[in-house]
C-alpha atoms as a PDB file:
ATOM      1  CA  MET A   1     -66.219  40.756 -73.738  1.00  0.00           C
ATOM      2  CA  PRO A   2     -67.768  42.434 -70.627  1.00  0.00           C
ATOM      3  CA  ASP A   3     -65.382  44.265 -68.405  1.00  0.00           C
ATOM      4  CA  LYS A   4     -65.212  42.390 -65.373  1.00  0.00           C
ATOM      5  CA  ASP A   5     -63.542  44.871 -63.113  1.00  0.00           C
ATOM      6  CA  PRO A   6     -66.169  45.751 -60.285  1.00  0.00           C
ATOM      7  CA  ARG A   7     -64.372  48.898 -58.950  1.00  0.00           C
ATOM      8  CA  GLU A   8     -66.782  51.450 -60.985  1.00  0.00           C
ATOM      9  CA  LEU A   9     -69.696  49.326 -59.500  1.00  0.00           C
ATOM     10  CA  LEU A  10     -68.457  49.350 -56.059  1.00  0.00           C
ATOM     11  CA  ASP A  11     -67.823  52.946 -56.033  1.00  0.00           C
ATOM     12  CA  LEU A  12     -71.649  53.479 -57.222  1.00  0.00           C
ATOM     13  CA  ILE A  13     -72.797  51.421 -54.401  1.00  0.00           C
ATOM     14  CA  ALA A  14     -70.763  53.422 -51.811  1.00  0.00           C
ATOM     15  CA  ALA A  15     -72.194  56.870 -53.440  1.00  0.00           C
ATOM     16  CA  PHE A  16     -75.729  55.640 -53.182  1.00  0.00           C
ATOM     17  CA  LYS A  17     -75.096  54.487 -49.458  1.00  0.00           C
ATOM     18  CA  SER A  18     -73.702  57.962 -48.844  1.00  0.00           C
ATOM     19  CA  ASN A  19     -76.617  59.776 -50.340  1.00  0.00           C
ATOM     20  CA  LEU A  20     -79.277  57.943 -48.670  1.00  0.00           C
ATOM     21  CA  GLN A  21     -77.635  58.009 -45.085  1.00  0.00           C
ATOM     22  CA  ARG A  22     -77.023  61.749 -45.530  1.00  0.00           C
ATOM     23  CA  LYS A  23     -80.288  62.237 -47.200  1.00  0.00           C
ATOM     24  CA  GLN A  24     -78.424  64.187 -49.849  1.00  0.00           C
ATOM     25  CA  PHE A  25     -80.185  63.656 -53.296  1.00  0.00           C
ATOM     26  CA  ASN A  26     -78.759  66.651 -55.335  1.00  0.00           C
ATOM     27  CA  GLN A  27     -76.496  64.022 -57.124  1.00  0.00           C
ATOM     28  CA  ALA A  28     -78.661  61.162 -56.998  1.00  0.00           C
ATOM     29  CA  GLU A  29     -80.491  61.286 -60.140  1.00  0.00           C
ATOM     30  CA  LYS A  30     -76.924  60.976 -61.839  1.00  0.00           C
ATOM     31  CA  LEU A  31     -76.300  57.925 -59.820  1.00  0.00           C
ATOM     32  CA  VAL A  32     -79.521  56.229 -60.943  1.00  0.00           C
ATOM     33  CA  GLN A  33     -78.790  57.056 -64.505  1.00  0.00           C
ATOM     34  CA  LYS A  34     -75.339  55.571 -64.224  1.00  0.00           C
ATOM     35  CA  THR A  35     -76.565  52.381 -62.903  1.00  0.00           C
ATOM     36  CA  THR A  36     -77.873  50.465 -66.058  1.00  0.00           C
ATOM     37  CA  PRO A  37     -74.692  51.336 -68.269  1.00  0.00           C
ATOM     38  CA  ILE A  38     -72.268  50.197 -65.505  1.00  0.00           C
ATOM     39  CA  LEU A  39     -74.059  46.931 -65.178  1.00  0.00           C
ATOM     40  CA  HIS A  40     -74.476  46.376 -68.723  1.00  0.00           C
ATOM     41  CA  LYS A  41     -70.576  46.838 -69.159  1.00  0.00           C
ATOM     42  CA  LEU A  42     -69.979  44.134 -66.567  1.00  0.00           C
ATOM     43  CA  GLY A  43     -72.526  41.850 -68.417  1.00  0.00           C
ATOM     44  CA  ALA A  44     -74.834  41.832 -65.267  1.00  0.00           C
ATOM     45  CA  PHE A  45     -77.833  41.471 -67.241  1.00  0.00           C
ATOM     46  CA  SER A  46     -77.087  38.165 -68.519  1.00  0.00           C
ATOM     47  CA  LEU A  47     -78.657  36.134 -65.730  1.00  0.00           C
ATOM     48  CA  THR A  48     -77.587  32.665 -66.736  1.00  0.00           C
ATOM     49  CA  THR A  49     -76.170  29.974 -64.301  1.00  0.00           C
ATOM     50  CA  SER A  50     -72.793  30.873 -65.350  1.00  0.00           C
ATOM     51  CA  ILE A  51     -73.088  34.570 -63.966  1.00  0.00           C
ATOM     52  CA  ASP A  52     -70.514  35.214 -61.270  1.00  0.00           C
ATOM     53  CA  ASP A  53     -72.368  34.813 -57.914  1.00  0.00           C
ATOM     54  CA  LYS A  54     -70.523  37.965 -56.642  1.00  0.00           C
ATOM     55  CA  LEU A  55     -71.440  40.271 -59.533  1.00  0.00           C
ATOM     56  CA  PHE A  56     -75.190  38.883 -59.042  1.00  0.00           C
ATOM     57  CA  CYS A  57     -75.034  40.057 -55.442  1.00  0.00           C
ATOM     58  CA  LEU A  58     -73.485  43.571 -56.205  1.00  0.00           C
ATOM     59  CA  ALA A  59     -75.726  44.121 -59.280  1.00  0.00           C
ATOM     60  CA  ARG A  60     -78.777  43.190 -57.080  1.00  0.00           C
ATOM     61  CA  GLU A  61     -77.553  45.786 -54.395  1.00  0.00           C
ATOM     62  CA  ALA A  62     -76.893  48.586 -57.052  1.00  0.00           C
ATOM     63  CA  LEU A  63     -80.282  48.200 -58.303  1.00  0.00           C
ATOM     64  CA  GLU A  64     -82.022  47.999 -55.141  1.00  0.00           C
ATOM     65  CA  LEU A  65     -80.299  51.330 -53.947  1.00  0.00           C
ATOM     66  CA  SER A  66     -81.262  52.712 -57.195  1.00  0.00           C
ATOM     67  CA  ALA A  67     -84.661  51.907 -56.653  1.00  0.00           C
ATOM     68  CA  ILE A  68     -84.768  53.363 -53.153  1.00  0.00           C
ATOM     69  CA  THR A  69     -83.033  56.485 -54.001  1.00  0.00           C
ATOM     70  CA  SER A  70     -85.334  56.881 -57.035  1.00  0.00           C
ATOM     71  CA  LEU A  71     -88.454  56.987 -54.646  1.00  0.00           C
ATOM     72  CA  HIS A  72     -86.611  59.757 -52.882  1.00  0.00           C
ATOM     73  CA  LEU A  73     -86.309  61.699 -56.258  1.00  0.00           C
ATOM     74  CA  ARG A  74     -90.077  60.933 -56.742  1.00  0.00           C
ATOM     75  CA  GLU A  75     -90.940  62.494 -53.610  1.00  0.00           C
ATOM     76  CA  ASP A  76     -89.230  65.891 -54.649  1.00  0.00           C
ATOM     77  CA  ASP A  77     -90.608  65.502 -58.407  1.00  0.00           C
ATOM     78  CA  PRO A  78     -93.161  63.006 -59.125  1.00  0.00           C
ATOM     79  CA  ARG A  79     -91.890  63.328 -62.808  1.00  0.00           C
ATOM     80  CA  ASN A  80     -89.204  60.902 -61.600  1.00  0.00           C
ATOM     81  CA  GLN A  81     -91.559  57.981 -60.776  1.00  0.00           C
ATOM     82  CA  ALA A  82     -90.561  56.049 -63.823  1.00  0.00           C
ATOM     83  CA  LEU A  83     -87.022  55.825 -62.450  1.00  0.00           C
ATOM     84  CA  PHE A  84     -88.389  53.628 -59.617  1.00  0.00           C
ATOM     85  CA  THR A  85     -90.308  51.345 -61.923  1.00  0.00           C
ATOM     86  CA  THR A  86     -87.560  50.984 -64.185  1.00  0.00           C
ATOM     87  CA  SER A  87     -85.297  49.863 -61.239  1.00  0.00           C
ATOM     88  CA  TYR A  88     -88.043  47.274 -60.302  1.00  0.00           C
ATOM     89  CA  LYS A  89     -88.160  45.759 -63.690  1.00  0.00           C
ATOM     90  CA  LEU A  90     -84.653  45.472 -63.831  1.00  0.00           C
ATOM     91  CA  LEU A  91     -84.563  44.041 -60.642  1.00  0.00           C
ATOM     92  CA  LYS A  92     -87.151  41.365 -61.450  1.00  0.00           C
ATOM     93  CA  PRO A  93     -84.977  38.794 -63.174  1.00  0.00           C
ATOM     94  CA  PHE A  94     -82.757  38.760 -60.088  1.00  0.00           C
ATOM     95  CA  TYR A  95     -85.535  38.237 -57.912  1.00  0.00           C
ATOM     96  CA  ASP A  96     -87.022  35.595 -60.168  1.00  0.00           C
ATOM     97  CA  ARG A  97     -83.665  33.716 -60.037  1.00  0.00           C
ATOM     98  CA  GLU A  98     -83.788  33.811 -56.102  1.00  0.00           C
ATOM     99  CA  GLN A  99     -87.494  32.645 -56.152  1.00  0.00           C
ATOM    100  CA  ALA A 100     -86.612  29.846 -58.510  1.00  0.00           C
ATOM    101  CA  LEU A 101     -83.738  28.616 -56.079  1.00  0.00           C
ATOM    102  CA  GLN A 102     -85.971  28.983 -53.201  1.00  0.00           C
ATOM    103  CA  MET A 103     -88.924  26.962 -54.581  1.00  0.00           C
ATOM    104  CA  ALA A 104     -86.387  24.010 -55.801  1.00  0.00           C
ATOM    105  CA  LYS A 105     -84.591  24.150 -52.225  1.00  0.00           C
ATOM    106  CA  ASP A 106     -81.498  24.584 -54.223  1.00  0.00           C
ATOM    107  CA  PRO A 107     -78.533  24.982 -52.154  1.00  0.00           C
ATOM    108  CA  ALA A 108     -76.988  27.427 -54.583  1.00  0.00           C
ATOM    109  CA  LEU A 109     -79.400  29.975 -53.175  1.00  0.00           C
ATOM    110  CA  GLU A 110     -77.036  30.508 -50.236  1.00  0.00           C
ATOM    111  CA  ARG A 111     -74.228  31.866 -52.579  1.00  0.00           C
ATOM    112  CA  LEU A 112     -76.608  34.593 -53.638  1.00  0.00           C
ATOM    113  CA  ASN A 113     -76.644  35.715 -49.983  1.00  0.00           C
ATOM    114  CA  PRO A 114     -80.349  35.943 -49.925  1.00  0.00           C
ATOM    115  CA  SER A 115     -80.188  37.749 -46.176  1.00  0.00           C
ATOM    116  CA  ALA A 116     -78.742  40.721 -48.104  1.00  0.00           C
ATOM    117  CA  SER A 117     -81.562  40.751 -50.403  1.00  0.00           C
ATOM    118  CA  GLN A 118     -84.280  43.526 -50.126  1.00  0.00           C
ATOM    119  CA  ARG A 119     -86.563  41.474 -52.388  1.00  0.00           C
ATOM    120  CA  ASN A 120     -89.527  41.838 -49.856  1.00  0.00           C
ATOM    121  CA  LYS A 121     -89.095  45.594 -49.351  1.00  0.00           C
ATOM    122  CA  ILE A 122     -88.702  46.544 -52.845  1.00  0.00           C
ATOM    123  CA  THR A 123     -91.454  44.327 -54.118  1.00  0.00           C
ATOM    124  CA  ALA A 124     -93.651  45.679 -51.169  1.00  0.00           C
ATOM    125  CA  LEU A 125     -93.030  49.131 -52.296  1.00  0.00           C
ATOM    126  CA  TYR A 126     -93.636  48.217 -55.981  1.00  0.00           C
ATOM    127  CA  LEU A 127     -97.165  46.848 -54.735  1.00  0.00           C
ATOM    128  CA  VAL A 128     -97.843  50.304 -52.885  1.00  0.00           C
ATOM    129  CA  TYR A 129     -97.016  52.064 -56.095  1.00  0.00           C
ATOM    130  CA  LEU A 130     -99.444  49.661 -58.177  1.00  0.00           C
ATOM    131  CA  LEU A 131    -102.252  50.594 -55.562  1.00  0.00           C
ATOM    132  CA  SER A 132    -101.469  54.341 -55.940  1.00  0.00           C
ATOM    133  CA  GLU A 133    -102.033  53.934 -59.707  1.00  0.00           C
ATOM    134  CA  GLY A 134    -105.180  51.917 -59.045  1.00  0.00           C
ATOM    135  CA  ASN A 135    -103.533  49.045 -61.115  1.00  0.00           C
ATOM    136  CA  ILE A 136    -105.198  45.918 -59.141  1.00  0.00           C
ATOM    137  CA  THR A 137    -104.650  43.705 -62.159  1.00  0.00           C
ATOM    138  CA  GLU A 138    -101.073  43.781 -62.108  1.00  0.00           C
ATOM    139  CA  PHE A 139    -101.018  44.103 -58.350  1.00  0.00           C
ATOM    140  CA  ASP A 140    -102.688  40.810 -58.254  1.00  0.00           C
ATOM    141  CA  THR A 141    -100.427  39.380 -60.507  1.00  0.00           C
ATOM    142  CA  VAL A 142     -97.294  40.315 -58.664  1.00  0.00           C
ATOM    143  CA  LEU A 143     -98.864  38.964 -55.401  1.00  0.00           C
ATOM    144  CA  ALA A 144     -99.746  35.556 -56.745  1.00  0.00           C
ATOM    145  CA  GLY A 145     -96.156  35.140 -57.947  1.00  0.00           C
ATOM    146  CA  LEU A 146     -94.973  35.819 -54.139  1.00  0.00           C
ATOM    147  CA  ARG A 147     -97.656  33.520 -52.853  1.00  0.00           C
ATOM    148  CA  ASP A 148     -96.503  30.657 -55.156  1.00  0.00           C
ATOM    149  CA  VAL A 149     -93.037  30.738 -53.530  1.00  0.00           C
ATOM    150  CA  ASP A 150     -93.778  30.962 -49.919  1.00  0.00           C
ATOM    151  CA  GLU A 151     -97.251  32.038 -48.787  1.00  0.00           C
ATOM    152  CA  ASP A 152     -96.342  31.884 -45.064  1.00  0.00           C
ATOM    153  CA  SER A 153     -93.576  34.503 -45.463  1.00  0.00           C
ATOM    154  CA  VAL A 154     -95.926  36.658 -47.353  1.00  0.00           C
ATOM    155  CA  LYS A 155     -98.451  36.731 -44.604  1.00  0.00           C
ATOM    156  CA  ASN A 156     -95.987  37.330 -41.909  1.00  0.00           C
ATOM    157  CA  ASP A 157     -93.741  39.920 -43.527  1.00  0.00           C
ATOM    158  CA  PRO A 158     -94.986  43.427 -42.238  1.00  0.00           C
ATOM    159  CA  MET A 159     -93.630  45.150 -45.422  1.00  0.00           C
ATOM    160  CA  LEU A 160     -95.858  42.823 -47.672  1.00  0.00           C
ATOM    161  CA  LYS A 161     -98.568  42.654 -45.471  1.00  0.00           C
ATOM    162  CA  TYR A 162     -98.960  46.427 -45.672  1.00  0.00           C
ATOM    163  CA  PRO A 163    -100.006  46.759 -49.115  1.00  0.00           C
ATOM    164  CA  ILE A 164    -102.033  43.454 -48.978  1.00  0.00           C
ATOM    165  CA  ASP A 165    -104.073  44.750 -46.200  1.00  0.00           C
ATOM    166  CA  LEU A 166    -104.427  48.054 -48.018  1.00  0.00           C
ATOM    167  CA  ALA A 167    -105.455  46.431 -51.253  1.00  0.00           C
ATOM    168  CA  ALA A 168    -108.025  44.305 -49.504  1.00  0.00           C
ATOM    169  CA  SER A 169    -109.633  47.288 -47.661  1.00  0.00           C
ATOM    170  CA  MET A 170    -110.027  49.140 -51.026  1.00  0.00           C
ATOM    171  CA  THR A 171    -111.282  46.636 -53.105  1.00  0.00           C
ATOM    172  CA  ASP A 172    -113.988  45.727 -50.550  1.00  0.00           C
ATOM    173  CA  GLY A 173    -115.168  49.175 -50.387  1.00  0.00           C
ATOM    174  CA  ARG A 174    -113.870  49.872 -46.870  1.00  0.00           C
ATOM    175  CA  TYR A 175    -112.512  53.134 -47.833  1.00  0.00           C
ATOM    176  CA  ASN A 176    -112.513  54.595 -44.333  1.00  0.00           C
ATOM    177  CA  VAL A 177    -110.440  51.571 -43.200  1.00  0.00           C
ATOM    178  CA  ALA A 178    -107.853  52.002 -45.887  1.00  0.00           C
ATOM    179  CA  TRP A 179    -107.752  55.889 -45.202  1.00  0.00           C
ATOM    180  CA  GLU A 180    -107.152  55.121 -41.468  1.00  0.00           C
ATOM    181  CA  GLN A 181    -104.579  52.620 -42.416  1.00  0.00           C
ATOM    182  CA  LEU A 182    -102.449  55.198 -44.466  1.00  0.00           C
ATOM    183  CA  LYS A 183    -103.041  57.941 -41.744  1.00  0.00           C
ATOM    184  CA  GLN A 184    -101.685  55.647 -39.049  1.00  0.00           C
ATOM    185  CA  GLN A 185     -98.640  54.831 -41.131  1.00  0.00           C
ATOM    186  CA  ALA A 186     -97.891  58.409 -41.507  1.00  0.00           C
ATOM    187  CA  ARG A 187     -98.394  59.129 -37.488  1.00  0.00           C
ATOM    188  CA  LYS A 188     -95.740  55.973 -37.201  1.00  0.00           C
ATOM    189  CA  LYS A 189     -93.402  58.057 -39.361  1.00  0.00           C
ATOM    190  CA  GLY A 190     -92.797  60.722 -36.646  1.00  0.00           C
ATOM    191  CA  ASN A 191     -92.748  58.145 -33.821  1.00  0.00           C
ATOM    192  CA  SER A 192     -89.560  55.824 -32.924  1.00  0.00           C
ATOM    193  CA  GLU A 193     -91.901  53.079 -31.691  1.00  0.00           C
ATOM    194  CA  ALA A 194     -94.905  51.225 -33.755  1.00  0.00           C
ATOM    195  CA  LEU A 195     -98.350  52.077 -33.001  1.00  0.00           C
ATOM    196  CA  SER A 196    -101.133  49.877 -32.049  1.00  0.00           C
ATOM    197  CA  GLY A 197     -98.659  46.876 -31.916  1.00  0.00           C
ATOM    198  CA  GLN A 198     -97.983  47.089 -35.676  1.00  0.00           C
ATOM    199  CA  ALA A 199     -94.522  47.166 -37.274  1.00  0.00           C
ATOM    200  CA  LYS A 200     -93.084  50.513 -38.081  1.00  0.00           C
ATOM    201  CA  LEU A 201     -92.221  50.506 -41.859  1.00  0.00           C
ATOM    202  CA  PRO A 202     -89.402  51.967 -43.572  1.00  0.00           C
ATOM    203  CA  GLU A 203     -89.748  55.664 -44.495  1.00  0.00           C
ATOM    204  CA  GLU A 204     -90.016  54.932 -48.357  1.00  0.00           C
ATOM    205  CA  PHE A 205     -93.498  53.588 -47.861  1.00  0.00           C
ATOM    206  CA  GLU A 206     -94.774  56.796 -46.614  1.00  0.00           C
ATOM    207  CA  ILE A 207     -93.665  58.774 -49.854  1.00  0.00           C
ATOM    208  CA  PHE A 208     -96.779  57.048 -51.732  1.00  0.00           C
ATOM    209  CA  SER A 209     -99.297  58.162 -48.960  1.00  0.00           C
ATOM    210  CA  PRO A 210    -100.462  61.426 -50.601  1.00  0.00           C
ATOM    211  CA  VAL A 211    -100.982  59.736 -53.991  1.00  0.00           C
ATOM    212  CA  LEU A 212    -102.864  56.745 -52.360  1.00  0.00           C
ATOM    213  CA  LEU A 213    -104.957  59.094 -50.246  1.00  0.00           C
ATOM    214  CA  SER A 214    -106.038  60.845 -53.500  1.00  0.00           C
ATOM    215  CA  THR A 215    -106.571  57.484 -55.085  1.00  0.00           C
ATOM    216  CA  ILE A 216    -108.984  56.371 -52.443  1.00  0.00           C
ATOM    217  CA  ARG A 217    -110.655  59.727 -52.426  1.00  0.00           C
ATOM    218  CA  MET A 218    -111.486  59.186 -56.145  1.00  0.00           C
ATOM    219  CA  TRP A 219    -112.804  55.811 -55.501  1.00  0.00           C
ATOM    220  CA  MET A 220    -115.189  57.419 -52.674  1.00  0.00           C
ATOM    221  CA  ALA A 221    -116.330  59.770 -55.273  1.00  0.00           C
ATOM    222  CA  ALA A 222    -117.060  57.144 -57.805  1.00  0.00           C
ATOM    223  CA  SER A 223    -119.020  55.038 -55.365  1.00  0.00           C
ATOM    224  CA  ALA A 224    -121.032  58.199 -54.330  1.00  0.00           C
ATOM    225  CA  GLU A 225    -121.833  58.859 -57.751  1.00  0.00           C
ATOM    226  CA  LYS A 226    -123.476  55.250 -57.906  1.00  0.00           C
ATOM    227  CA  ALA A 227    -125.214  55.430 -54.460  1.00  0.00           C
ATOM    228  CA  TYR A 228    -126.895  58.718 -54.679  1.00  0.00           C
ATOM    229  CA  GLU A 229    -128.449  61.328 -56.857  1.00  0.00           C
ATOM    230  CA  SER A 230    -127.280  64.152 -54.732  1.00  0.00           C
ATOM    231  CA  LEU A 231    -125.636  64.870 -51.099  1.00  0.00           C
ATOM    232  CA  SER A 232    -125.329  68.029 -49.326  1.00  0.00           C
ATOM    233  CA  ILE A 233    -121.722  69.631 -49.525  1.00  0.00           C
ATOM    234  CA  SER A 234    -121.364  69.132 -45.661  1.00  0.00           C
ATOM    235  CA  SER A 235    -121.869  65.456 -46.035  1.00  0.00           C
ATOM    236  CA  ALA A 236    -119.720  65.231 -49.049  1.00  0.00           C
ATOM    237  CA  LYS A 237    -116.995  66.939 -47.120  1.00  0.00           C
ATOM    238  CA  ASP A 238    -117.148  63.928 -44.656  1.00  0.00           C
ATOM    239  CA  VAL A 239    -117.403  61.238 -47.245  1.00  0.00           C
ATOM    240  CA  LEU A 240    -114.464  62.569 -49.284  1.00  0.00           C
ATOM    241  CA  LYS A 241    -112.337  63.597 -46.340  1.00  0.00           C
ATOM    242  CA  LEU A 242    -111.874  66.958 -47.451  1.00  0.00           C
ATOM    243  CA  ASP A 243    -110.804  69.799 -45.031  1.00  0.00           C
ATOM    244  CA  SER A 244    -113.376  72.481 -45.985  1.00  0.00           C
ATOM    245  CA  GLU A 245    -116.435  72.871 -48.036  1.00  0.00           C
ATOM    246  CA  GLY A 246    -114.528  75.122 -50.365  1.00  0.00           C
ATOM    247  CA  ASP A 247    -112.470  72.142 -51.151  1.00  0.00           C
ATOM    248  CA  VAL A 248    -115.711  69.925 -51.824  1.00  0.00           C
ATOM    249  CA  VAL A 249    -116.771  72.670 -54.375  1.00  0.00           C
ATOM    250  CA  GLU A 250    -113.411  72.776 -56.198  1.00  0.00           C
ATOM    251  CA  PHE A 251    -113.368  68.732 -56.194  1.00  0.00           C
ATOM    252  CA  ALA A 252    -116.906  68.806 -57.339  1.00  0.00           C
ATOM    253  CA  GLU A 253    -116.156  71.413 -60.192  1.00  0.00           C
ATOM    254  CA  ALA A 254    -113.280  69.181 -61.285  1.00  0.00           C
ATOM    255  CA  ARG A 255    -115.638  66.075 -61.720  1.00  0.00           C
ATOM    256  CA  ASP A 256    -118.364  68.189 -63.355  1.00  0.00           C
ATOM    257  CA  TRP A 257    -120.706  67.481 -60.598  1.00  0.00           C
ATOM    258  CA  ILE A 258    -123.780  69.915 -60.489  1.00  0.00           C
ATOM    259  CA  LEU A 259    -123.619  72.630 -57.553  1.00  0.00           C
ATOM    260  CA  ARG A 260    -127.142  74.005 -56.352  1.00  0.00           C
ATOM    261  CA  ASP A 261    -128.772  75.146 -53.180  1.00  0.00           C
ATOM    262  CA  GLY A 262    -125.840  73.859 -50.958  1.00  0.00           C
ATOM    263  CA  ARG A 263    -125.987  70.249 -52.504  1.00  0.00           C
ATOM    264  CA  ILE A 264    -124.151  68.309 -55.043  1.00  0.00           C
ATOM    265  CA  TYR A 265    -125.882  66.583 -57.788  1.00  0.00           C
ATOM    266  CA  PHE A 266    -124.362  63.756 -59.581  1.00  0.00           C
ATOM    267  CA  PRO A 267    -124.719  63.320 -63.163  1.00  0.00           C
ATOM    268  CA  GLN A 268    -126.478  60.415 -64.490  1.00  0.00           C
ATOM    269  CA  SER A 269    -125.629  58.067 -67.273  1.00  0.00           C
ATOM    270  CA  GLU A 270    -128.151  57.446 -70.007  1.00  0.00           C
ATOM    271  CA  ALA A 271    -128.811  54.090 -68.612  1.00  0.00           C
ATOM    272  CA  GLU A 272    -129.666  55.179 -65.119  1.00  0.00           C
ATOM    273  CA  GLN A 273    -132.040  57.775 -66.721  1.00  0.00           C
ATOM    274  CA  ALA A 274    -133.611  55.107 -68.649  1.00  0.00           C
ATOM    275  CA  GLN A 275    -134.287  52.991 -65.274  1.00  0.00           C
ATOM    276  CA  GLY A 276    -135.962  55.857 -63.722  1.00  0.00           C
ATOM    277  CA  SER A 277    -132.869  57.161 -61.679  1.00  0.00           C
ATOM    278  CA  GLU A 278    -133.684  54.540 -58.920  1.00  0.00           C
ATOM    279  CA  LYS A 279    -130.241  53.238 -59.115  1.00  0.00           C
ATOM    280  CA  SER A 280    -131.167  49.996 -57.494  1.00  0.00           C
ATOM    281  CA  ALA A 281    -128.161  48.346 -58.485  1.00  0.00           C
ATOM    282  CA  SER A 282    -126.155  50.723 -56.417  1.00  0.00           C
ATOM    283  CA  ARG A 283    -127.368  49.529 -52.721  1.00  0.00           C
ATOM    284  CA  ALA A 284    -123.799  48.014 -52.148  1.00  0.00           C
ATOM    285  CA  SER A 285    -122.174  51.262 -52.872  1.00  0.00           C
ATOM    286  CA  ARG A 286    -124.677  53.401 -50.910  1.00  0.00           C
ATOM    287  CA  SER A 287    -124.057  51.323 -48.079  1.00  0.00           C
ATOM    288  CA  ILE A 288    -120.164  51.694 -48.458  1.00  0.00           C
ATOM    289  CA  ILE A 289    -120.929  55.721 -48.311  1.00  0.00           C
ATOM    290  CA  GLU A 290    -123.282  55.748 -45.370  1.00  0.00           C
ATOM    291  CA  ASN A 291    -120.728  53.969 -43.566  1.00  0.00           C
ATOM    292  CA  GLY A 292    -118.200  56.543 -44.457  1.00  0.00           C
ATOM    293  CA  ILE A 293    -120.744  59.304 -43.672  1.00  0.00           C
ATOM    294  CA  GLY A 294    -121.470  57.522 -40.451  1.00  0.00           C
ATOM    295  CA  TYR A 295    -117.799  57.854 -39.386  1.00  0.00           C
ATOM    296  CA  ALA A 296    -117.831  61.371 -39.211  1.00  0.00           C
ATOM    297  CA  GLN A 297    -121.392  62.421 -38.406  1.00  0.00           C
ATOM    298  CA  GLN A 298    -124.909  60.822 -37.837  1.00  0.00           C
ATOM    299  CA  LEU A 299    -126.807  59.901 -40.818  1.00  0.00           C
ATOM    300  CA  GLY A 300    -129.812  61.689 -40.014  1.00  0.00           C
ATOM    301  CA  THR A 301    -127.979  64.815 -41.035  1.00  0.00           C
ATOM    302  CA  ILE A 302    -127.427  63.863 -44.450  1.00  0.00           C
ATOM    303  CA  VAL A 303    -130.876  64.745 -46.123  1.00  0.00           C
END
């Protein structure tokens, strides 16, 4: 029989809150690792209709605090990123139950204290994580599940709106827009008020920005490869949002691009070579890249 004494769980929740408030994470990893065993001991993962509502709420809170704490651990050491995804996956059945009751308009939802749930925040952070990994398929799956419950709340929640808008810019090839969205969020981090009339998001959203910027840069690079046979190093610096031409050289070498006479030559696939190197199918990509270059300089300086 599971041990139903919640005192250990209450102590864990208090420790999580203390760590987050003081931003002291030296013991935080131990707290994250203790969460699942404590919840198993209480039988909190038996999400049947007979589970105690109080235990449900406490378990959900502990897992949410574990997820948020794990993000701060990830910021200190990217190797800890699996801790966040594990916390999210453990939370998913709790959120699924909330959503099922919400869709059914079941009054039992109120007993789960939905106002205390951080479902939108944690889910939005998971969506940002998926974007940082370039996992658009899983992103769309999670988003579809949210829209099935309440599409209006998805549109109006600033935390959910952030990854949705970011994904739209990235998948449409509007990389400069996505880049500026991330940069603007970074600027908000140091301001007490939101910029441009947009909501200031919790600080955890900023943790993913460096990886997201790198992901967008990789997508920019892939589009450049399709759109051009070559670019000058100075133009490539603008396209890829790099700080110096030396950074361009380092980036190009990592992708096995050819550097010659101040230009970058993109390797062609056998299919492109067979088609005479015209790249006629890449006009859309070329337009995207030209917009990116134009964002920083006149197109006339490219070639």
